[in-house]
Amino acid sequence: MNRAYEDERTGLRAWELQFNLVVPMKRNRVHPGEYDQEVYERQNELERLFRRLKGFRGICTRYDKLARMFTAFIYLACIL
């Protein structure tokens, strides 16, 4: 969930399900809640990593037949 989908009802439902909120609340909320800034930053880094990996066609379409070759290509893409 990102800030665009965050509203009072969704926040309450996440709280009922005992989810940790890692998205900052909208600025116009009456009662802004707390969120974990460190987890939010790490989540952002992970999302950016996946976006960069999708730029490699071999990863996106998984041309490799063997799992170890696919894993090796992911390692190579991360190094680059």
C-alpha atoms as a PDB file:
ATOM      1  CA  MET A   1       0.000   0.000   0.000  1.00  0.00           C
ATOM      2  CA  ASN A   2       1.300   3.447  -0.751  1.00  0.00           C
ATOM      3  CA  ARG A   3       0.133   6.877   0.237  1.00  0.00           C
ATOM      4  CA  ALA A   4      -2.309   7.153  -2.677  1.00  0.00           C
ATOM      5  CA  TYR A   5      -4.426   4.267  -1.352  1.00  0.00           C
ATOM      6  CA  GLU A   6      -4.211   5.251   2.305  1.00  0.00           C
ATOM      7  CA  ASP A   7      -7.434   6.369   3.968  1.00  0.00           C
ATOM      8  CA  GLU A   8      -9.098   6.041   7.363  1.00  0.00           C
ATOM      9  CA  ARG A   9     -10.960   2.824   6.552  1.00  0.00           C
ATOM     10  CA  THR A  10      -7.918   1.090   5.068  1.00  0.00           C
ATOM     11  CA  GLY A  11      -5.762   2.141   8.018  1.00  0.00           C
ATOM     12  CA  LEU A  12      -8.281   0.748  10.507  1.00  0.00           C
ATOM     13  CA  ARG A  13      -8.507  -2.517   8.590  1.00  0.00           C
ATOM     14  CA  ALA A  14      -4.711  -2.842   8.551  1.00  0.00           C
ATOM     15  CA  TRP A  15      -4.659  -2.159  12.289  1.00  0.00           C
ATOM     16  CA  GLU A  16      -7.331  -4.852  12.868  1.00  0.00           C
ATOM     17  CA  LEU A  17      -5.221  -7.363  10.927  1.00  0.00           C
ATOM     18  CA  GLN A  18      -2.195  -6.342  13.028  1.00  0.00           C
ATOM     19  CA  PHE A  19      -0.191  -5.032  10.072  1.00  0.00           C
ATOM     20  CA  ASN A  20       2.608  -2.570  10.701  1.00  0.00           C
ATOM     21  CA  LEU A  21       2.077   0.685   8.847  1.00  0.00           C
ATOM     22  CA  VAL A  22       5.160   1.606   6.870  1.00  0.00           C
ATOM     23  CA  VAL A  23       3.585   4.292   4.696  1.00  0.00           C
ATOM     24  CA  PRO A  24       3.418   7.885   5.886  1.00  0.00           C
ATOM     25  CA  MET A  25      -0.114   9.144   6.351  1.00  0.00           C
ATOM     26  CA  LYS A  26      -1.607  11.827   4.144  1.00  0.00           C
ATOM     27  CA  ARG A  27      -0.991  15.311   5.424  1.00  0.00           C
ATOM     28  CA  ASN A  28      -4.679  16.230   5.408  1.00  0.00           C
ATOM     29  CA  ARG A  29      -5.758  13.496   7.869  1.00  0.00           C
ATOM     30  CA  VAL A  30      -7.440  14.568  11.074  1.00  0.00           C
ATOM     31  CA  HIS A  31      -5.527  12.037  13.191  1.00  0.00           C
ATOM     32  CA  PRO A  32      -2.255  11.177  11.461  1.00  0.00           C
ATOM     33  CA  GLY A  33      -0.807   7.918  12.696  1.00  0.00           C
ATOM     34  CA  GLU A  34       2.735   6.823  13.210  1.00  0.00           C
ATOM     35  CA  TYR A  35       4.828   4.772  10.824  1.00  0.00           C
ATOM     36  CA  ASP A  36       8.259   3.199  10.881  1.00  0.00           C
ATOM     37  CA  GLN A  37      10.536   5.514   8.879  1.00  0.00           C
ATOM     38  CA  GLU A  38      13.405   3.004   8.659  1.00  0.00           C
ATOM     39  CA  VAL A  39      11.193   0.217   7.298  1.00  0.00           C
ATOM     40  CA  TYR A  40       9.637   2.659   4.825  1.00  0.00           C
ATOM     41  CA  GLU A  41      13.064   3.624   3.467  1.00  0.00           C
ATOM     42  CA  ARG A  42      14.158  -0.020   3.167  1.00  0.00           C
ATOM     43  CA  GLN A  43      10.912  -0.902   1.377  1.00  0.00           C
ATOM     44  CA  ASN A  44      11.583   1.914  -1.072  1.00  0.00           C
ATOM     45  CA  GLU A  45      15.100   0.593  -1.737  1.00  0.00           C
ATOM     46  CA  LEU A  46      13.727  -2.888  -2.393  1.00  0.00           C
ATOM     47  CA  GLU A  47      11.076  -1.588  -4.795  1.00  0.00           C
ATOM     48  CA  ARG A  48      13.729   0.374  -6.705  1.00  0.00           C
ATOM     49  CA  LEU A  49      15.899  -2.765  -6.922  1.00  0.00           C
ATOM     50  CA  PHE A  50      13.058  -4.745  -8.487  1.00  0.00           C
ATOM     51  CA  ARG A  51      12.360  -1.908 -10.919  1.00  0.00           C
ATOM     52  CA  ARG A  52      16.006  -1.969 -12.042  1.00  0.00           C
ATOM     53  CA  LEU A  53      16.046  -5.750 -12.347  1.00  0.00           C
ATOM     54  CA  LYS A  54      12.988  -5.641 -14.600  1.00  0.00           C
ATOM     55  CA  GLY A  55      15.056  -3.595 -17.026  1.00  0.00           C
ATOM     56  CA  PHE A  56      17.058  -6.724 -17.861  1.00  0.00           C
ATOM     57  CA  ARG A  57      15.124  -8.635 -20.474  1.00  0.00           C
ATOM     58  CA  GLY A  58      16.554 -11.998 -19.455  1.00  0.00           C
ATOM     59  CA  ILE A  59      15.176 -11.612 -15.947  1.00  0.00           C
ATOM     60  CA  CYS A  60      11.835 -10.252 -17.022  1.00  0.00           C
ATOM     61  CA  THR A  61      11.114 -13.094 -19.431  1.00  0.00           C
ATOM     62  CA  ARG A  62      13.257 -15.780 -17.757  1.00  0.00           C
ATOM     63  CA  TYR A  63      15.023 -17.162 -20.796  1.00  0.00           C
ATOM     64  CA  ASP A  64      17.244 -19.468 -18.735  1.00  0.00           C
ATOM     65  CA  LYS A  65      16.080 -23.053 -18.321  1.00  0.00           C
ATOM     66  CA  LEU A  66      18.120 -23.820 -15.222  1.00  0.00           C
ATOM     67  CA  ALA A  67      17.340 -22.170 -11.902  1.00  0.00           C
ATOM     68  CA  ARG A  68      21.023 -21.735 -11.090  1.00  0.00           C
ATOM     69  CA  MET A  69      21.630 -19.869 -14.355  1.00  0.00           C
ATOM     70  CA  PHE A  70      18.678 -17.590 -13.648  1.00  0.00           C
ATOM     71  CA  THR A  71      20.001 -16.936 -10.135  1.00  0.00           C
ATOM     72  CA  ALA A  72      23.470 -16.247 -11.515  1.00  0.00           C
ATOM     73  CA  PHE A  73      22.025 -13.706 -13.947  1.00  0.00           C
ATOM     74  CA  ILE A  74      20.211 -11.966 -11.092  1.00  0.00           C
ATOM     75  CA  TYR A  75      23.496 -11.776  -9.176  1.00  0.00           C
ATOM     76  CA  LEU A  76      25.216 -10.360 -12.248  1.00  0.00           C
ATOM     77  CA  ALA A  77      22.471  -7.772 -12.724  1.00  0.00           C
ATOM     78  CA  CYS A  78      22.759  -6.743  -9.059  1.00  0.00           C
ATOM     79  CA  ILE A  79      26.506  -6.308  -9.416  1.00  0.00           C
ATOM     80  CA  LEU A  80      26.029  -4.112 -12.474  1.00  0.00           C
END
